[in-house]
Amino acid sequence: MSDINQMMSDTNHQQQVDIFASDQRQRHFAELCNALYERELHSLSKKAPNNIRLLQRRLAGLSYHIKNAAEYLLAHDFPIDVDVHNGSWQAKQAAKCVVSKYNPEKSVSWFESHSRMGLPSPICISDMGIQTVELDSVDRIDKDTHQLHFNKHGWFGFDGKYLGEYEHAMQNKTLLIPNKVNITAACCGHSWNHKGKTMPRALSLRELLLSTTINWKTYK
């Protein structure tokens, strides 16, 4: 009888643990969704498209994309942490911008071997003294000219140099090799100025969803 009682006790304990874990996950899911909704609505209020139909499409798809992002963040198996309170990735920030280790020759070698459609890649944006690293994805590859086109930022050479036109003289863009350090900086929104580290920026929903497609096991 004691063995039966022990088995029932163990079963009840496991059920309680499962219920607690499920409740905690639901709370985290709700917190993530709220944080992402707040951020996206704020972004739309500042940078809403002039085309009403485009704005309507974005709003119509917002719930679907936010729920997907929250699910991915909770189910992640990444070497960086999730902050459920503001819907962001968290990791230690380097003292200097990761672009300081940029090497054109290594970039050529890496992208010649590993470039592919849809590849999530970090791009360093230097603008008016502020350096940030953004995630973008490859949507065209021209191996004859050693060039890559990115969904948002346009054309870069395999050497990482930007091939488009800058908005002003104080702007610069550099494609970085997608390694663990550079990808981490992009996912966490790390930023720097001439003094060093500054407050991380919040990723757009597009970048956040793109970060969930990263296969961290391939990066060193």
N, C-alpha and C. Protein backbone atom coordinates (compact mmCIF):
# COMPACT_ATOMS: atom_id res chain seq x y z
N MET A 1 0.82 -1.20 0.00
CA MET A 1 0.00 0.00 0.00
C MET A 1 0.87 1.26 0.00
N SER A 2 1.97 1.18 0.74
CA SER A 2 2.86 2.35 0.81
C SER A 2 3.44 2.67 -0.55
N ASP A 3 3.74 1.61 -1.35
CA ASP A 3 4.27 1.84 -2.70
C ASP A 3 3.25 2.55 -3.57
N ILE A 4 1.99 2.16 -3.48
CA ILE A 4 0.92 2.78 -4.25
C ILE A 4 0.76 4.25 -3.86
N ASN A 5 0.77 4.49 -2.54
CA ASN A 5 0.65 5.87 -2.05
C ASN A 5 1.80 6.74 -2.55
N GLN A 6 3.00 6.15 -2.58
CA GLN A 6 4.17 6.89 -3.04
C GLN A 6 4.04 7.22 -4.53
N MET A 7 3.54 6.23 -5.31
CA MET A 7 3.35 6.46 -6.74
C MET A 7 2.32 7.56 -6.99
N MET A 8 1.24 7.54 -6.22
CA MET A 8 0.21 8.57 -6.37
C MET A 8 0.76 9.94 -5.99
N SER A 9 1.58 9.96 -4.93
CA SER A 9 2.18 11.22 -4.50
C SER A 9 3.12 11.78 -5.57
N ASP A 10 3.92 10.87 -6.16
CA ASP A 10 4.85 11.30 -7.23
C ASP A 10 4.08 11.83 -8.43
N THR A 11 2.98 11.16 -8.78
CA THR A 11 2.17 11.58 -9.92
C THR A 11 1.56 12.94 -9.70
N ASN A 12 1.02 13.14 -8.49
CA ASN A 12 0.42 14.44 -8.16
C ASN A 12 1.45 15.56 -8.19
N HIS A 13 2.64 15.24 -7.67
CA HIS A 13 3.72 16.24 -7.66
C HIS A 13 4.10 16.62 -9.10
N GLN A 14 4.21 15.61 -9.98
CA GLN A 14 4.58 15.88 -11.36
C GLN A 14 3.51 16.71 -12.06
N GLN A 15 2.22 16.39 -11.77
CA GLN A 15 1.14 17.16 -12.35
C GLN A 15 1.18 18.62 -11.90
N GLN A 16 1.51 18.82 -10.61
CA GLN A 16 1.62 20.19 -10.09
C GLN A 16 2.76 20.94 -10.76
N VAL A 17 3.88 20.25 -10.97
CA VAL A 17 5.03 20.86 -11.64
C VAL A 17 4.66 21.24 -13.07
N ASP A 18 3.96 20.32 -13.79
CA ASP A 18 3.57 20.58 -15.16
C ASP A 18 2.61 21.76 -15.26
N ILE A 19 1.64 21.81 -14.32
CA ILE A 19 0.67 22.91 -14.31
C ILE A 19 1.37 24.24 -14.05
N PHE A 20 2.32 24.23 -13.08
CA PHE A 20 3.06 25.46 -12.77
C PHE A 20 3.87 25.92 -13.98
N ALA A 21 4.55 24.97 -14.65
CA ALA A 21 5.36 25.31 -15.82
C ALA A 21 4.48 25.87 -16.93
N SER A 22 3.28 25.26 -17.12
CA SER A 22 2.36 25.73 -18.14
C SER A 22 1.86 27.13 -17.83
N ASP A 23 1.52 27.37 -16.57
CA ASP A 23 1.04 28.69 -16.16
C ASP A 23 2.13 29.76 -16.35
N GLN A 24 3.36 29.40 -16.01
CA GLN A 24 4.48 30.35 -16.15
C GLN A 24 4.71 30.67 -17.63
N ARG A 25 4.62 29.64 -18.46
CA ARG A 25 4.81 29.86 -19.90
C ARG A 25 3.73 30.78 -20.46
N GLN A 26 2.48 30.57 -20.02
CA GLN A 26 1.39 31.42 -20.48
C GLN A 26 1.60 32.87 -20.05
N ARG A 27 2.10 33.06 -18.83
CA ARG A 27 2.38 34.43 -18.36
C ARG A 27 3.46 35.08 -19.20
N HIS A 28 4.52 34.31 -19.46
CA HIS A 28 5.61 34.84 -20.28
C HIS A 28 5.14 35.14 -21.70
N PHE A 29 4.30 34.27 -22.24
CA PHE A 29 3.77 34.48 -23.59
C PHE A 29 2.97 35.78 -23.64
N ALA A 30 2.12 35.98 -22.63
CA ALA A 30 1.29 37.19 -22.57
C ALA A 30 2.17 38.43 -22.44
N GLU A 31 3.21 38.37 -21.60
CA GLU A 31 4.11 39.51 -21.42
C GLU A 31 4.83 39.85 -22.72
N LEU A 32 5.30 38.81 -23.42
CA LEU A 32 5.99 39.03 -24.68
C LEU A 32 5.07 39.68 -25.71
N CYS A 33 3.86 39.15 -25.83
CA CYS A 33 2.90 39.70 -26.79
C CYS A 33 2.60 41.16 -26.48
N ASN A 34 2.38 41.46 -25.21
CA ASN A 34 2.08 42.84 -24.82
C ASN A 34 3.24 43.78 -25.16
N ALA A 35 4.46 43.32 -24.86
CA ALA A 35 5.64 44.15 -25.14
C ALA A 35 5.81 44.38 -26.64
N LEU A 36 5.60 43.33 -27.42
CA LEU A 36 5.76 43.45 -28.87
C LEU A 36 4.67 44.30 -29.50
N TYR A 37 3.43 44.14 -29.02
CA TYR A 37 2.34 44.98 -29.52
C TYR A 37 2.63 46.46 -29.23
N GLU A 38 3.04 46.74 -28.01
CA GLU A 38 3.31 48.13 -27.62
C GLU A 38 4.40 48.74 -28.49
N ARG A 39 5.44 47.96 -28.73
CA ARG A 39 6.57 48.46 -29.52
C ARG A 39 6.17 48.68 -30.98
N GLU A 40 5.44 47.73 -31.57
CA GLU A 40 5.06 47.85 -32.97
C GLU A 40 4.06 48.97 -33.20
N LEU A 41 3.11 49.12 -32.30
CA LEU A 41 2.14 50.20 -32.45
C LEU A 41 2.82 51.56 -32.31
N HIS A 42 3.79 51.65 -31.40
CA HIS A 42 4.56 52.89 -31.26
C HIS A 42 5.34 53.18 -32.55
N SER A 43 5.93 52.12 -33.12
CA SER A 43 6.69 52.28 -34.37
C SER A 43 5.78 52.72 -35.51
N LEU A 44 4.60 52.11 -35.60
CA LEU A 44 3.66 52.49 -36.65
C LEU A 44 3.16 53.92 -36.49
N SER A 45 3.03 54.36 -35.25
CA SER A 45 2.58 55.73 -35.01
C SER A 45 3.62 56.75 -35.47
N LYS A 46 4.89 56.32 -35.47
CA LYS A 46 5.98 57.22 -35.87
C LYS A 46 6.31 57.11 -37.36
N LYS A 47 6.18 55.88 -37.90
CA LYS A 47 6.62 55.63 -39.28
C LYS A 47 5.56 54.89 -40.08
N ALA A 48 4.32 55.28 -39.91
CA ALA A 48 3.24 54.61 -40.64
C ALA A 48 3.34 54.91 -42.14
N PRO A 49 3.13 53.90 -43.01
CA PRO A 49 3.16 54.15 -44.45
C PRO A 49 2.04 55.08 -44.88
N ASN A 50 2.30 55.88 -45.91
CA ASN A 50 1.29 56.82 -46.40
C ASN A 50 0.13 56.09 -47.09
N ASN A 51 0.44 54.91 -47.62
CA ASN A 51 -0.57 54.12 -48.30
C ASN A 51 -1.49 53.45 -47.27
N ILE A 52 -2.77 53.82 -47.27
CA ILE A 52 -3.72 53.30 -46.28
C ILE A 52 -3.86 51.79 -46.40
N ARG A 53 -3.90 51.27 -47.62
CA ARG A 53 -4.07 49.83 -47.80
C ARG A 53 -2.87 49.05 -47.25
N LEU A 54 -1.68 49.62 -47.45
CA LEU A 54 -0.48 48.98 -46.91
C LEU A 54 -0.52 48.97 -45.38
N LEU A 55 -0.94 50.08 -44.80
CA LEU A 55 -1.07 50.16 -43.34
C LEU A 55 -2.11 49.15 -42.84
N GLN A 56 -3.21 49.01 -43.55
CA GLN A 56 -4.25 48.05 -43.16
C GLN A 56 -3.71 46.62 -43.21
N ARG A 57 -2.93 46.31 -44.23
CA ARG A 57 -2.35 44.96 -44.34
C ARG A 57 -1.39 44.68 -43.19
N ARG A 58 -0.59 45.70 -42.85
CA ARG A 58 0.36 45.52 -41.75
C ARG A 58 -0.36 45.31 -40.43
N LEU A 59 -1.41 46.07 -40.21
CA LEU A 59 -2.17 45.91 -38.97
C LEU A 59 -2.89 44.57 -38.93
N ALA A 60 -3.40 44.12 -40.08
CA ALA A 60 -4.12 42.86 -40.14
C ALA A 60 -3.21 41.67 -39.83
N GLY A 61 -1.95 41.78 -40.23
CA GLY A 61 -1.02 40.67 -40.00
C GLY A 61 -0.25 40.77 -38.69
N LEU A 62 -0.48 41.84 -37.94
CA LEU A 62 0.30 42.09 -36.72
C LEU A 62 0.11 40.99 -35.69
N SER A 63 -1.11 40.60 -35.44
CA SER A 63 -1.39 39.57 -34.42
C SER A 63 -0.68 38.26 -34.76
N TYR A 64 -0.77 37.85 -36.01
CA TYR A 64 -0.14 36.59 -36.44
C TYR A 64 1.37 36.63 -36.23
N HIS A 65 2.01 37.70 -36.67
CA HIS A 65 3.47 37.79 -36.58
C HIS A 65 3.95 37.93 -35.14
N ILE A 66 3.21 38.67 -34.33
CA ILE A 66 3.61 38.84 -32.93
C ILE A 66 3.48 37.53 -32.16
N LYS A 67 2.41 36.79 -32.39
CA LYS A 67 2.25 35.50 -31.72
C LYS A 67 3.35 34.52 -32.14
N ASN A 68 3.69 34.54 -33.43
CA ASN A 68 4.78 33.68 -33.91
C ASN A 68 6.10 34.05 -33.25
N ALA A 69 6.38 35.35 -33.17
CA ALA A 69 7.63 35.81 -32.56
C ALA A 69 7.69 35.39 -31.09
N ALA A 70 6.58 35.56 -30.37
CA ALA A 70 6.55 35.19 -28.95
C ALA A 70 6.75 33.69 -28.76
N GLU A 71 6.12 32.89 -29.61
CA GLU A 71 6.29 31.44 -29.53
C GLU A 71 7.74 31.04 -29.76
N TYR A 72 8.37 31.62 -30.78
CA TYR A 72 9.76 31.32 -31.08
C TYR A 72 10.69 31.72 -29.94
N LEU A 73 10.44 32.89 -29.36
CA LEU A 73 11.29 33.37 -28.28
C LEU A 73 11.22 32.45 -27.06
N LEU A 74 10.02 31.95 -26.77
CA LEU A 74 9.85 31.07 -25.62
C LEU A 74 10.43 29.68 -25.87
N ALA A 75 10.42 29.26 -27.13
CA ALA A 75 10.88 27.91 -27.46
C ALA A 75 12.34 27.89 -27.93
N HIS A 76 13.02 29.01 -27.80
CA HIS A 76 14.36 29.13 -28.38
C HIS A 76 15.37 28.22 -27.70
N ASP A 77 16.36 27.84 -28.47
CA ASP A 77 17.50 27.09 -27.94
C ASP A 77 18.76 27.81 -28.40
N PHE A 78 18.85 29.09 -28.03
CA PHE A 78 19.93 29.95 -28.47
C PHE A 78 20.90 30.21 -27.32
N PRO A 79 22.14 30.56 -27.63
CA PRO A 79 23.12 30.88 -26.57
C PRO A 79 22.98 32.30 -26.04
N ILE A 80 21.83 32.93 -26.25
CA ILE A 80 21.55 34.24 -25.69
C ILE A 80 20.20 34.16 -24.97
N ASP A 81 19.98 35.08 -24.04
CA ASP A 81 18.79 35.03 -23.19
C ASP A 81 17.64 35.86 -23.76
N VAL A 82 16.44 35.59 -23.25
CA VAL A 82 15.26 36.34 -23.65
C VAL A 82 14.77 37.16 -22.46
N ASP A 83 14.49 38.43 -22.68
CA ASP A 83 13.84 39.27 -21.68
C ASP A 83 12.36 39.33 -22.04
N VAL A 84 11.53 38.61 -21.26
CA VAL A 84 10.11 38.53 -21.60
C VAL A 84 9.38 39.84 -21.33
N HIS A 85 9.97 40.72 -20.52
CA HIS A 85 9.30 41.96 -20.16
C HIS A 85 9.30 42.98 -21.29
N ASN A 86 10.34 42.93 -22.14
CA ASN A 86 10.35 43.88 -23.26
C ASN A 86 10.55 43.20 -24.61
N GLY A 87 10.47 41.87 -24.65
CA GLY A 87 10.55 41.15 -25.92
C GLY A 87 11.86 41.35 -26.65
N SER A 88 12.97 41.06 -25.97
CA SER A 88 14.28 41.28 -26.58
C SER A 88 15.25 40.18 -26.21
N TRP A 89 16.29 40.06 -27.03
CA TRP A 89 17.41 39.18 -26.72
C TRP A 89 18.39 39.93 -25.84
N GLN A 90 19.06 39.20 -24.94
CA GLN A 90 20.00 39.81 -24.01
C GLN A 90 21.32 39.03 -24.00
N ALA A 91 22.43 39.74 -24.09
CA ALA A 91 23.76 39.13 -23.98
C ALA A 91 24.76 40.22 -23.66
N LYS A 92 25.91 39.84 -23.15
CA LYS A 92 26.95 40.80 -22.80
C LYS A 92 27.40 41.55 -24.04
N GLN A 93 27.58 42.85 -23.89
CA GLN A 93 27.96 43.70 -25.01
C GLN A 93 29.46 43.96 -25.01
N ALA A 94 30.05 43.91 -26.20
CA ALA A 94 31.48 44.19 -26.34
C ALA A 94 31.76 45.67 -26.05
N ALA A 95 32.93 45.96 -25.54
CA ALA A 95 33.28 47.34 -25.20
C ALA A 95 33.36 48.23 -26.43
N LYS A 96 33.83 47.65 -27.55
CA LYS A 96 33.92 48.40 -28.80
C LYS A 96 33.02 47.75 -29.85
N CYS A 97 32.60 48.54 -30.82
CA CYS A 97 31.75 48.01 -31.88
C CYS A 97 32.44 46.86 -32.60
N VAL A 98 31.68 45.83 -32.91
CA VAL A 98 32.25 44.62 -33.52
C VAL A 98 32.84 44.89 -34.90
N VAL A 99 32.48 46.01 -35.53
CA VAL A 99 33.03 46.33 -36.85
C VAL A 99 34.55 46.57 -36.77
N SER A 100 35.06 46.81 -35.57
CA SER A 100 36.50 47.04 -35.40
C SER A 100 37.33 45.82 -35.82
N LYS A 101 36.70 44.65 -35.85
CA LYS A 101 37.39 43.42 -36.25
C LYS A 101 37.09 43.02 -37.69
N TYR A 102 36.45 43.93 -38.43
CA TYR A 102 36.11 43.67 -39.83
C TYR A 102 37.38 43.49 -40.66
N ASN A 103 37.38 42.45 -41.49
CA ASN A 103 38.53 42.15 -42.35
C ASN A 103 38.00 41.82 -43.76
N PRO A 104 38.26 42.68 -44.75
CA PRO A 104 37.71 42.48 -46.11
C PRO A 104 38.11 41.14 -46.73
N GLU A 105 39.36 40.73 -46.53
CA GLU A 105 39.81 39.47 -47.13
C GLU A 105 39.08 38.26 -46.55
N LYS A 106 38.89 38.27 -45.24
CA LYS A 106 38.16 37.17 -44.59
C LYS A 106 36.69 37.17 -45.03
N SER A 107 36.13 38.36 -45.24
CA SER A 107 34.75 38.46 -45.69
C SER A 107 34.58 37.83 -47.07
N VAL A 108 35.48 38.14 -47.98
CA VAL A 108 35.43 37.56 -49.32
C VAL A 108 35.46 36.03 -49.24
N SER A 109 36.40 35.52 -48.48
CA SER A 109 36.54 34.06 -48.35
C SER A 109 35.28 33.43 -47.77
N TRP A 110 34.70 34.09 -46.74
CA TRP A 110 33.52 33.51 -46.08
C TRP A 110 32.31 33.51 -47.00
N PHE A 111 32.02 34.64 -47.63
CA PHE A 111 30.82 34.73 -48.46
C PHE A 111 30.95 33.95 -49.76
N GLU A 112 32.16 33.76 -50.25
CA GLU A 112 32.34 32.90 -51.41
C GLU A 112 31.92 31.47 -51.10
N SER A 113 32.15 31.04 -49.87
CA SER A 113 31.87 29.65 -49.49
C SER A 113 30.47 29.46 -48.90
N HIS A 114 29.93 30.49 -48.24
CA HIS A 114 28.72 30.26 -47.43
C HIS A 114 27.51 31.09 -47.83
N SER A 115 27.62 31.98 -48.81
CA SER A 115 26.46 32.81 -49.16
C SER A 115 25.33 31.93 -49.71
N ARG A 116 24.11 32.26 -49.31
CA ARG A 116 22.92 31.54 -49.78
C ARG A 116 21.71 32.44 -49.64
N MET A 117 20.67 32.12 -50.36
CA MET A 117 19.44 32.90 -50.29
C MET A 117 18.83 32.81 -48.89
N GLY A 118 18.36 33.95 -48.39
CA GLY A 118 17.73 33.98 -47.08
C GLY A 118 18.69 34.02 -45.91
N LEU A 119 19.99 34.06 -46.17
CA LEU A 119 20.99 34.04 -45.09
C LEU A 119 20.84 35.27 -44.18
N PRO A 120 20.56 35.08 -42.88
CA PRO A 120 20.52 36.22 -41.95
C PRO A 120 21.95 36.72 -41.72
N SER A 121 22.16 38.01 -41.93
CA SER A 121 23.50 38.55 -41.82
C SER A 121 23.51 39.87 -41.06
N PRO A 122 24.60 40.14 -40.31
CA PRO A 122 24.71 41.40 -39.57
C PRO A 122 25.33 42.50 -40.43
N ILE A 123 24.73 43.67 -40.39
CA ILE A 123 25.24 44.82 -41.13
C ILE A 123 25.45 45.96 -40.14
N CYS A 124 26.66 46.46 -40.08
CA CYS A 124 26.97 47.57 -39.18
C CYS A 124 26.59 48.88 -39.84
N ILE A 125 25.77 49.67 -39.14
CA ILE A 125 25.34 50.98 -39.63
C ILE A 125 25.98 52.06 -38.77
N SER A 126 26.83 52.87 -39.38
CA SER A 126 27.41 54.02 -38.69
C SER A 126 26.69 55.27 -39.18
N ASP A 127 26.04 55.98 -38.27
CA ASP A 127 25.22 57.11 -38.68
C ASP A 127 25.35 58.23 -37.63
N MET A 128 25.95 59.32 -38.04
CA MET A 128 26.11 60.49 -37.17
C MET A 128 26.80 60.12 -35.85
N GLY A 129 27.81 59.28 -35.92
CA GLY A 129 28.60 58.92 -34.74
C GLY A 129 28.05 57.77 -33.93
N ILE A 130 26.88 57.24 -34.29
CA ILE A 130 26.28 56.10 -33.60
C ILE A 130 26.46 54.85 -34.46
N GLN A 131 26.98 53.79 -33.86
CA GLN A 131 27.18 52.53 -34.57
C GLN A 131 26.22 51.47 -34.02
N THR A 132 25.47 50.86 -34.91
CA THR A 132 24.57 49.78 -34.54
C THR A 132 24.76 48.63 -35.50
N VAL A 133 24.28 47.45 -35.12
CA VAL A 133 24.36 46.27 -35.99
C VAL A 133 22.95 45.76 -36.22
N GLU A 134 22.54 45.70 -37.48
CA GLU A 134 21.19 45.26 -37.83
C GLU A 134 21.23 43.90 -38.53
N LEU A 135 20.15 43.16 -38.37
CA LEU A 135 19.99 41.90 -39.11
C LEU A 135 19.28 42.17 -40.43
N ASP A 136 19.78 41.59 -41.49
CA ASP A 136 19.12 41.66 -42.79
C ASP A 136 19.27 40.29 -43.45
N SER A 137 18.56 40.07 -44.55
CA SER A 137 18.62 38.75 -45.20
C SER A 137 18.93 38.88 -46.68
N VAL A 138 19.68 37.93 -47.19
CA VAL A 138 20.09 37.90 -48.60
C VAL A 138 18.89 37.53 -49.47
N ASP A 139 18.63 38.34 -50.52
CA ASP A 139 17.56 37.97 -51.45
C ASP A 139 18.03 37.85 -52.90
N ARG A 140 19.31 38.20 -53.15
CA ARG A 140 19.90 37.98 -54.48
C ARG A 140 21.40 37.74 -54.31
N ILE A 141 21.94 36.88 -55.15
CA ILE A 141 23.38 36.59 -55.12
C ILE A 141 23.91 36.65 -56.55
N ASP A 142 24.97 37.41 -56.75
CA ASP A 142 25.64 37.47 -58.06
C ASP A 142 27.09 37.04 -57.85
N LYS A 143 27.34 35.76 -58.05
CA LYS A 143 28.69 35.23 -57.80
C LYS A 143 29.69 35.67 -58.86
N ASP A 144 29.20 36.05 -60.04
CA ASP A 144 30.11 36.52 -61.09
C ASP A 144 30.78 37.84 -60.70
N THR A 145 30.01 38.71 -60.04
CA THR A 145 30.55 40.01 -59.63
C THR A 145 30.88 40.07 -58.14
N HIS A 146 30.69 38.93 -57.45
CA HIS A 146 30.96 38.86 -56.00
C HIS A 146 30.12 39.90 -55.25
N GLN A 147 28.81 39.85 -55.48
CA GLN A 147 27.92 40.81 -54.84
C GLN A 147 26.71 40.11 -54.24
N LEU A 148 26.21 40.70 -53.15
CA LEU A 148 25.02 40.21 -52.46
C LEU A 148 24.01 41.34 -52.33
N HIS A 149 22.74 41.03 -52.56
CA HIS A 149 21.70 42.03 -52.34
C HIS A 149 20.90 41.64 -51.11
N PHE A 150 20.67 42.62 -50.23
CA PHE A 150 19.93 42.38 -49.00
C PHE A 150 18.55 43.03 -49.07
N ASN A 151 17.61 42.41 -48.39
CA ASN A 151 16.21 42.80 -48.45
C ASN A 151 15.99 44.27 -48.12
N LYS A 152 16.68 44.79 -47.12
CA LYS A 152 16.49 46.18 -46.70
C LYS A 152 17.61 47.09 -47.17
N HIS A 153 18.86 46.66 -47.02
CA HIS A 153 19.99 47.57 -47.20
C HIS A 153 20.63 47.56 -48.58
N GLY A 154 20.20 46.66 -49.47
CA GLY A 154 20.69 46.72 -50.84
C GLY A 154 21.96 45.92 -51.10
N TRP A 155 22.76 46.42 -52.04
CA TRP A 155 23.92 45.66 -52.54
C TRP A 155 25.19 45.88 -51.72
N PHE A 156 25.89 44.77 -51.48
CA PHE A 156 27.21 44.78 -50.86
C PHE A 156 28.13 43.86 -51.66
N GLY A 157 29.43 44.17 -51.64
CA GLY A 157 30.39 43.25 -52.20
C GLY A 157 30.67 42.13 -51.22
N PHE A 158 31.21 41.02 -51.68
CA PHE A 158 31.61 39.94 -50.78
C PHE A 158 32.62 40.43 -49.75
N ASP A 159 33.31 41.53 -50.06
CA ASP A 159 34.29 42.09 -49.12
C ASP A 159 33.63 42.89 -48.01
N GLY A 160 32.29 43.01 -48.04
CA GLY A 160 31.55 43.72 -47.00
C GLY A 160 31.29 45.18 -47.28
N LYS A 161 31.81 45.70 -48.39
CA LYS A 161 31.66 47.12 -48.68
C LYS A 161 30.30 47.41 -49.33
N TYR A 162 29.67 48.48 -48.88
CA TYR A 162 28.36 48.88 -49.39
C TYR A 162 28.50 49.46 -50.79
N LEU A 163 27.61 49.09 -51.69
CA LEU A 163 27.70 49.51 -53.09
C LEU A 163 26.63 50.53 -53.49
N GLY A 164 25.79 50.90 -52.53
CA GLY A 164 24.74 51.87 -52.82
C GLY A 164 25.16 53.29 -52.49
N GLU A 165 24.19 54.19 -52.51
CA GLU A 165 24.46 55.59 -52.20
C GLU A 165 24.06 55.90 -50.77
N TYR A 166 24.86 56.70 -50.10
CA TYR A 166 24.57 57.10 -48.72
C TYR A 166 23.68 58.33 -48.70
N GLU A 167 22.88 58.42 -47.63
CA GLU A 167 21.99 59.56 -47.49
C GLU A 167 22.76 60.84 -47.16
N HIS A 168 23.90 60.69 -46.45
CA HIS A 168 24.71 61.85 -46.10
C HIS A 168 26.14 61.40 -45.82
N ALA A 169 27.03 62.37 -45.66
CA ALA A 169 28.46 62.08 -45.54
C ALA A 169 28.83 61.38 -44.24
N MET A 170 27.98 61.48 -43.22
CA MET A 170 28.29 60.89 -41.91
C MET A 170 27.73 59.48 -41.75
N GLN A 171 27.39 58.84 -42.87
CA GLN A 171 26.81 57.50 -42.81
C GLN A 171 27.74 56.49 -43.47
N ASN A 172 27.74 55.28 -42.93
CA ASN A 172 28.54 54.20 -43.51
C ASN A 172 27.88 52.86 -43.18
N LYS A 173 27.99 51.90 -44.10
CA LYS A 173 27.43 50.57 -43.89
C LYS A 173 28.49 49.53 -44.23
N THR A 174 28.57 48.50 -43.40
CA THR A 174 29.54 47.42 -43.61
C THR A 174 28.89 46.08 -43.34
N LEU A 175 28.94 45.20 -44.31
CA LEU A 175 28.45 43.83 -44.13
C LEU A 175 29.48 43.04 -43.34
N LEU A 176 29.04 42.40 -42.26
CA LEU A 176 29.94 41.63 -41.40
C LEU A 176 29.71 40.14 -41.60
N ILE A 177 30.74 39.36 -41.32
CA ILE A 177 30.61 37.90 -41.38
C ILE A 177 29.62 37.44 -40.31
N PRO A 178 28.68 36.57 -40.66
CA PRO A 178 27.72 36.07 -39.66
C PRO A 178 28.37 35.04 -38.71
N ASN A 179 29.16 35.53 -37.78
CA ASN A 179 29.69 34.65 -36.74
C ASN A 179 28.95 34.91 -35.43
N LYS A 180 29.29 34.17 -34.40
CA LYS A 180 28.54 34.27 -33.15
C LYS A 180 28.58 35.67 -32.54
N VAL A 181 29.74 36.30 -32.55
CA VAL A 181 29.90 37.63 -31.96
C VAL A 181 29.06 38.67 -32.70
N ASN A 182 29.16 38.68 -34.03
CA ASN A 182 28.44 39.68 -34.83
C ASN A 182 26.93 39.46 -34.81
N ILE A 183 26.52 38.19 -34.89
CA ILE A 183 25.10 37.87 -34.86
C ILE A 183 24.49 38.23 -33.49
N THR A 184 25.24 37.97 -32.43
CA THR A 184 24.77 38.31 -31.09
C THR A 184 24.55 39.81 -30.96
N ALA A 185 25.49 40.59 -31.47
CA ALA A 185 25.37 42.06 -31.41
C ALA A 185 24.13 42.53 -32.16
N ALA A 186 23.86 41.91 -33.31
CA ALA A 186 22.69 42.28 -34.10
C ALA A 186 21.39 41.90 -33.40
N CYS A 187 21.33 40.69 -32.87
CA CYS A 187 20.11 40.20 -32.21
C CYS A 187 19.78 41.03 -30.96
N CYS A 188 20.80 41.49 -30.27
CA CYS A 188 20.59 42.21 -29.01
C CYS A 188 20.50 43.72 -29.21
N GLY A 189 20.64 44.19 -30.45
CA GLY A 189 20.53 45.62 -30.71
C GLY A 189 21.64 46.45 -30.12
N HIS A 190 22.83 45.86 -29.98
CA HIS A 190 23.95 46.58 -29.36
C HIS A 190 24.33 47.83 -30.16
N SER A 191 24.65 48.90 -29.43
CA SER A 191 24.99 50.18 -30.05
C SER A 191 26.19 50.80 -29.33
N TRP A 192 26.92 51.64 -30.07
CA TRP A 192 28.10 52.31 -29.54
C TRP A 192 28.18 53.74 -30.06
N ASN A 193 28.88 54.59 -29.32
CA ASN A 193 29.26 55.91 -29.82
C ASN A 193 30.75 56.10 -29.58
N HIS A 194 31.26 57.33 -29.70
CA HIS A 194 32.70 57.55 -29.57
C HIS A 194 33.22 57.27 -28.16
N LYS A 195 32.31 57.23 -27.18
CA LYS A 195 32.73 56.95 -25.80
C LYS A 195 32.69 55.46 -25.45
N GLY A 196 31.96 54.68 -26.25
CA GLY A 196 31.83 53.24 -25.97
C GLY A 196 30.40 52.77 -26.07
N LYS A 197 30.00 51.88 -25.18
CA LYS A 197 28.67 51.27 -25.23
C LYS A 197 27.57 52.30 -24.94
N THR A 198 26.46 52.17 -25.66
CA THR A 198 25.28 52.99 -25.40
C THR A 198 24.07 52.06 -25.21
N MET A 199 22.92 52.64 -24.94
CA MET A 199 21.70 51.88 -24.72
C MET A 199 21.35 51.05 -25.96
N PRO A 200 21.14 49.73 -25.82
CA PRO A 200 20.76 48.90 -26.98
C PRO A 200 19.46 49.40 -27.60
N ARG A 201 19.35 49.28 -28.91
CA ARG A 201 18.12 49.67 -29.59
C ARG A 201 17.16 48.48 -29.62
N ALA A 202 15.89 48.77 -29.77
CA ALA A 202 14.88 47.71 -29.88
C ALA A 202 14.80 47.23 -31.33
N LEU A 203 14.81 45.92 -31.52
CA LEU A 203 14.71 45.37 -32.86
C LEU A 203 13.31 45.57 -33.42
N SER A 204 13.23 45.75 -34.71
CA SER A 204 11.92 45.77 -35.36
C SER A 204 11.35 44.35 -35.32
N LEU A 205 10.05 44.22 -35.52
CA LEU A 205 9.42 42.90 -35.54
C LEU A 205 10.02 42.06 -36.66
N ARG A 206 10.31 42.68 -37.79
CA ARG A 206 10.93 41.96 -38.91
C ARG A 206 12.27 41.36 -38.50
N GLU A 207 13.11 42.16 -37.83
CA GLU A 207 14.41 41.66 -37.38
C GLU A 207 14.25 40.55 -36.35
N LEU A 208 13.29 40.74 -35.44
CA LEU A 208 13.07 39.74 -34.40
C LEU A 208 12.68 38.40 -35.00
N LEU A 209 11.78 38.43 -35.98
CA LEU A 209 11.39 37.19 -36.66
C LEU A 209 12.56 36.60 -37.43
N LEU A 210 13.37 37.46 -38.04
CA LEU A 210 14.54 36.99 -38.76
C LEU A 210 15.54 36.32 -37.81
N SER A 211 15.64 36.83 -36.59
CA SER A 211 16.59 36.25 -35.62
C SER A 211 16.20 34.83 -35.24
N THR A 212 14.91 34.49 -35.35
CA THR A 212 14.46 33.15 -34.97
C THR A 212 14.83 32.11 -36.02
N THR A 213 15.31 32.55 -37.19
CA THR A 213 15.69 31.61 -38.25
C THR A 213 17.18 31.24 -38.19
N ILE A 214 17.90 31.83 -37.26
CA ILE A 214 19.35 31.61 -37.18
C ILE A 214 19.66 30.22 -36.65
N ASN A 215 20.55 29.54 -37.32
CA ASN A 215 21.04 28.25 -36.84
C ASN A 215 22.36 28.49 -36.11
N TRP A 216 22.27 28.65 -34.81
CA TRP A 216 23.44 29.03 -34.02
C TRP A 216 24.52 27.94 -34.00
N LYS A 217 24.13 26.72 -34.28
CA LYS A 217 25.11 25.61 -34.23
C LYS A 217 26.17 25.74 -35.33
N THR A 218 25.87 26.52 -36.35
CA THR A 218 26.83 26.68 -37.47
C THR A 218 27.81 27.82 -37.23
N TYR A 219 27.59 28.61 -36.15
CA TYR A 219 28.43 29.79 -35.92
C TYR A 219 29.42 29.54 -34.78
N LYS A 220 30.61 30.10 -34.94
CA LYS A 220 31.67 29.96 -33.94
C LYS A 220 31.97 31.31 -33.33
